[in-house]
Structure formats: structure tokens, C-alpha cells
Amino acid sequence: MHLAHHHSADTRRAVTEPAYPPLALVTSPTVPTEQAAYYLNRRPQTLRGWACAETFPDGLRPVRINGRLGWPVAGIRAVLGVA
């Protein structure tokens, strides 16, 4: 007898999405692309495209740190309208 295992969408999401701290608890000045995308509800590749074409929202200019993008936490908060 074959038993099918079904997982809810919440279970799959918990396995596939990394757990980042709430934005209010982030104390570093910048976060990596994947984390910024999580907070902005966008895919990381979207943020990379913004950085390449310089079409990011006002106040969200990324900085390059050893060849990687760092997204300012203050800018993410500003875009989201969070104090």
C-alpha cells in the first residue's frame, strides 16, 4: 500500500524560504541582496537588475562591498514607509 505525503503550502514555504529577523530588529547598516529582497517582497534578481540599471527606488541605492551588493536598511525602511 502506497501512502501519499501531502504538505501544506506553509510547510513548503518554511522549508524553502530563509528565516530572516524582523526588519525592526536589524541593526547592521546594510543587508545582502537575498535578505533585502525578502523584506521588499521581490526576487533577488529584481534587486540585482535595479542595481545594474540604477533604477532602484529613491533612497535605496546599494553599496558595493567586495564585489557584492549591500542594501541600506534605512533605505529599505524608507521604501516600505516604516520608521
N, C-alpha and C. Protein backbone atom coordinates (compact mmCIF):
# COMPACT_ATOMS: atom_id res chain seq x y z
N MET A 1 0.83 -1.17 0.00
CA MET A 1 0.00 0.00 0.00
C MET A 1 0.88 1.24 0.00
N HIS A 2 0.59 2.17 -0.88
CA HIS A 2 1.37 3.38 -1.05
C HIS A 2 0.66 4.54 -0.36
N LEU A 3 1.36 5.20 0.54
CA LEU A 3 0.78 6.35 1.24
C LEU A 3 1.37 7.63 0.66
N ALA A 4 0.51 8.51 0.28
CA ALA A 4 0.96 9.79 -0.26
C ALA A 4 1.17 10.77 0.89
N HIS A 5 2.24 11.52 0.80
CA HIS A 5 2.51 12.54 1.80
C HIS A 5 2.21 13.89 1.18
N HIS A 6 1.34 14.63 1.79
CA HIS A 6 0.98 15.95 1.29
C HIS A 6 1.43 16.98 2.31
N HIS A 7 2.01 18.03 1.78
CA HIS A 7 2.47 19.12 2.64
C HIS A 7 1.68 20.37 2.32
N SER A 8 1.39 21.12 3.32
CA SER A 8 0.68 22.37 3.10
C SER A 8 1.64 23.39 2.50
N ALA A 9 1.08 24.43 1.94
CA ALA A 9 1.90 25.49 1.37
C ALA A 9 2.77 26.14 2.43
N ASP A 10 2.26 26.26 3.65
CA ASP A 10 3.05 26.85 4.74
C ASP A 10 4.27 26.01 5.06
N THR A 11 4.13 24.71 5.04
CA THR A 11 5.25 23.82 5.32
C THR A 11 6.30 23.94 4.23
N ARG A 12 5.88 23.95 2.97
CA ARG A 12 6.83 24.08 1.86
C ARG A 12 7.53 25.42 1.93
N ARG A 13 6.79 26.47 2.24
CA ARG A 13 7.37 27.80 2.32
C ARG A 13 8.41 27.86 3.43
N ALA A 14 8.14 27.25 4.55
CA ALA A 14 9.06 27.26 5.68
C ALA A 14 10.35 26.54 5.34
N VAL A 15 10.27 25.55 4.50
CA VAL A 15 11.46 24.79 4.11
C VAL A 15 12.26 25.55 3.06
N THR A 16 11.61 26.27 2.16
CA THR A 16 12.31 26.91 1.06
C THR A 16 12.72 28.35 1.32
N GLU A 17 12.04 29.06 2.22
CA GLU A 17 12.38 30.45 2.49
C GLU A 17 13.25 30.56 3.73
N PRO A 18 14.33 31.34 3.61
CA PRO A 18 15.18 31.52 4.79
C PRO A 18 14.45 32.36 5.84
N ALA A 19 14.80 32.16 7.08
CA ALA A 19 14.17 32.90 8.17
C ALA A 19 15.07 34.09 8.52
N TYR A 20 14.62 35.27 8.16
CA TYR A 20 15.37 36.48 8.49
C TYR A 20 14.70 37.15 9.68
N PRO A 21 15.48 37.90 10.47
CA PRO A 21 14.86 38.59 11.61
C PRO A 21 13.91 39.68 11.10
N PRO A 22 12.95 40.07 11.91
CA PRO A 22 12.08 41.18 11.50
C PRO A 22 12.92 42.42 11.21
N LEU A 23 12.50 43.20 10.26
CA LEU A 23 13.25 44.39 9.85
C LEU A 23 13.50 45.33 11.02
N ALA A 24 12.56 45.41 11.94
CA ALA A 24 12.72 46.30 13.10
C ALA A 24 13.89 45.89 13.99
N LEU A 25 14.31 44.62 13.92
CA LEU A 25 15.39 44.14 14.77
C LEU A 25 16.76 44.16 14.09
N VAL A 26 16.81 44.51 12.82
CA VAL A 26 18.08 44.52 12.09
C VAL A 26 18.87 45.75 12.52
N THR A 27 20.11 45.52 12.98
CA THR A 27 20.94 46.62 13.47
C THR A 27 22.11 46.95 12.55
N SER A 28 22.40 46.09 11.58
CA SER A 28 23.51 46.38 10.67
C SER A 28 23.08 47.45 9.67
N PRO A 29 24.04 48.23 9.16
CA PRO A 29 23.68 49.31 8.23
C PRO A 29 23.20 48.81 6.87
N THR A 30 23.69 47.64 6.45
CA THR A 30 23.28 47.07 5.17
C THR A 30 22.96 45.59 5.33
N VAL A 31 22.21 45.08 4.36
CA VAL A 31 21.90 43.64 4.32
C VAL A 31 22.20 43.14 2.92
N PRO A 32 22.47 41.84 2.77
CA PRO A 32 22.73 41.29 1.44
C PRO A 32 21.46 41.28 0.57
N THR A 33 21.65 41.08 -0.70
CA THR A 33 20.57 41.13 -1.68
C THR A 33 19.41 40.20 -1.33
N GLU A 34 19.70 38.97 -0.96
CA GLU A 34 18.65 38.00 -0.67
C GLU A 34 17.77 38.47 0.49
N GLN A 35 18.39 39.03 1.51
CA GLN A 35 17.65 39.50 2.67
C GLN A 35 16.84 40.75 2.33
N ALA A 36 17.42 41.67 1.57
CA ALA A 36 16.70 42.87 1.16
C ALA A 36 15.49 42.49 0.31
N ALA A 37 15.66 41.52 -0.58
CA ALA A 37 14.56 41.07 -1.43
C ALA A 37 13.44 40.48 -0.59
N TYR A 38 13.80 39.77 0.45
CA TYR A 38 12.80 39.21 1.36
C TYR A 38 11.95 40.31 1.98
N TYR A 39 12.60 41.36 2.49
CA TYR A 39 11.89 42.44 3.14
C TYR A 39 11.03 43.22 2.14
N LEU A 40 11.51 43.36 0.90
CA LEU A 40 10.79 44.14 -0.11
C LEU A 40 9.79 43.31 -0.91
N ASN A 41 9.72 42.02 -0.60
CA ASN A 41 8.81 41.11 -1.28
C ASN A 41 9.07 41.08 -2.79
N ARG A 42 10.34 41.00 -3.14
CA ARG A 42 10.79 40.91 -4.53
C ARG A 42 11.77 39.76 -4.63
N ARG A 43 12.05 39.33 -5.83
CA ARG A 43 13.06 38.30 -6.02
C ARG A 43 14.44 38.95 -6.02
N PRO A 44 15.46 38.25 -5.54
CA PRO A 44 16.80 38.83 -5.52
C PRO A 44 17.25 39.34 -6.88
N GLN A 45 16.87 38.64 -7.95
CA GLN A 45 17.29 39.06 -9.28
C GLN A 45 16.70 40.41 -9.65
N THR A 46 15.54 40.75 -9.13
CA THR A 46 14.94 42.06 -9.37
C THR A 46 15.83 43.15 -8.78
N LEU A 47 16.32 42.94 -7.57
CA LEU A 47 17.19 43.93 -6.94
C LEU A 47 18.51 44.03 -7.69
N ARG A 48 19.03 42.92 -8.16
CA ARG A 48 20.27 42.96 -8.95
C ARG A 48 20.07 43.76 -10.23
N GLY A 49 18.90 43.59 -10.84
CA GLY A 49 18.57 44.36 -12.04
C GLY A 49 18.48 45.84 -11.74
N TRP A 50 17.86 46.20 -10.60
CA TRP A 50 17.79 47.59 -10.19
C TRP A 50 19.19 48.18 -10.05
N ALA A 51 20.09 47.41 -9.43
CA ALA A 51 21.45 47.90 -9.18
C ALA A 51 22.19 48.08 -10.50
N CYS A 52 22.02 47.15 -11.41
CA CYS A 52 22.72 47.20 -12.70
C CYS A 52 22.23 48.38 -13.54
N ALA A 53 20.92 48.57 -13.60
CA ALA A 53 20.33 49.63 -14.42
C ALA A 53 20.17 50.94 -13.66
N GLU A 54 20.50 50.93 -12.38
CA GLU A 54 20.33 52.08 -11.49
C GLU A 54 18.90 52.61 -11.53
N THR A 55 17.96 51.68 -11.40
CA THR A 55 16.54 52.03 -11.41
C THR A 55 15.87 51.69 -10.08
N PHE A 56 16.65 51.68 -9.02
CA PHE A 56 16.13 51.35 -7.70
C PHE A 56 15.27 52.49 -7.18
N PRO A 57 14.36 52.20 -6.24
CA PRO A 57 13.53 53.26 -5.66
C PRO A 57 14.38 54.32 -4.96
N ASP A 58 13.87 55.52 -4.87
CA ASP A 58 14.60 56.62 -4.21
C ASP A 58 15.00 56.21 -2.79
N GLY A 59 16.25 56.51 -2.44
CA GLY A 59 16.74 56.22 -1.10
C GLY A 59 17.26 54.82 -0.90
N LEU A 60 17.23 54.02 -1.96
CA LEU A 60 17.63 52.61 -1.80
C LEU A 60 18.87 52.28 -2.62
N ARG A 61 19.76 53.21 -2.81
CA ARG A 61 20.98 52.96 -3.60
C ARG A 61 21.86 51.94 -2.87
N PRO A 62 22.15 50.80 -3.52
CA PRO A 62 23.01 49.81 -2.87
C PRO A 62 24.48 50.25 -2.90
N VAL A 63 25.25 49.69 -1.99
CA VAL A 63 26.69 49.92 -1.98
C VAL A 63 27.38 48.61 -2.34
N ARG A 64 28.51 48.73 -2.98
CA ARG A 64 29.27 47.53 -3.36
C ARG A 64 30.31 47.27 -2.28
N ILE A 65 30.27 46.06 -1.74
CA ILE A 65 31.19 45.66 -0.69
C ILE A 65 31.91 44.42 -1.17
N ASN A 66 33.18 44.57 -1.52
CA ASN A 66 33.99 43.46 -2.05
C ASN A 66 33.28 42.74 -3.20
N GLY A 67 32.71 43.52 -4.11
CA GLY A 67 32.06 42.94 -5.28
C GLY A 67 30.64 42.46 -5.06
N ARG A 68 30.13 42.62 -3.87
CA ARG A 68 28.75 42.21 -3.57
C ARG A 68 27.94 43.45 -3.24
N LEU A 69 26.62 43.31 -3.39
CA LEU A 69 25.74 44.43 -3.10
C LEU A 69 25.31 44.42 -1.65
N GLY A 70 25.34 45.58 -1.03
CA GLY A 70 24.80 45.76 0.31
C GLY A 70 23.67 46.78 0.21
N TRP A 71 22.51 46.41 0.70
CA TRP A 71 21.33 47.29 0.60
C TRP A 71 21.12 47.98 1.93
N PRO A 72 21.06 49.32 1.94
CA PRO A 72 20.92 50.05 3.20
C PRO A 72 19.59 49.77 3.90
N VAL A 73 19.68 49.41 5.15
CA VAL A 73 18.48 49.09 5.94
C VAL A 73 17.60 50.34 6.06
N ALA A 74 18.20 51.49 6.22
CA ALA A 74 17.42 52.74 6.30
C ALA A 74 16.64 52.97 5.01
N GLY A 75 17.24 52.64 3.87
CA GLY A 75 16.56 52.79 2.59
C GLY A 75 15.40 51.83 2.44
N ILE A 76 15.59 50.59 2.91
CA ILE A 76 14.52 49.60 2.86
C ILE A 76 13.35 50.07 3.72
N ARG A 77 13.66 50.56 4.90
CA ARG A 77 12.61 51.08 5.78
C ARG A 77 11.88 52.26 5.14
N ALA A 78 12.63 53.14 4.48
CA ALA A 78 12.03 54.31 3.83
C ALA A 78 11.08 53.89 2.69
N VAL A 79 11.52 52.93 1.89
CA VAL A 79 10.70 52.45 0.78
C VAL A 79 9.41 51.82 1.30
N LEU A 80 9.53 51.11 2.42
CA LEU A 80 8.36 50.44 2.99
C LEU A 80 7.51 51.38 3.83
N GLY A 81 8.02 52.59 4.10
CA GLY A 81 7.27 53.54 4.92
C GLY A 81 7.27 53.19 6.39
N VAL A 82 8.35 52.53 6.83
CA VAL A 82 8.48 52.12 8.23
C VAL A 82 9.49 53.04 8.89
N ALA A 83 9.17 53.53 10.07
CA ALA A 83 10.09 54.44 10.78
C ALA A 83 11.27 53.70 11.36
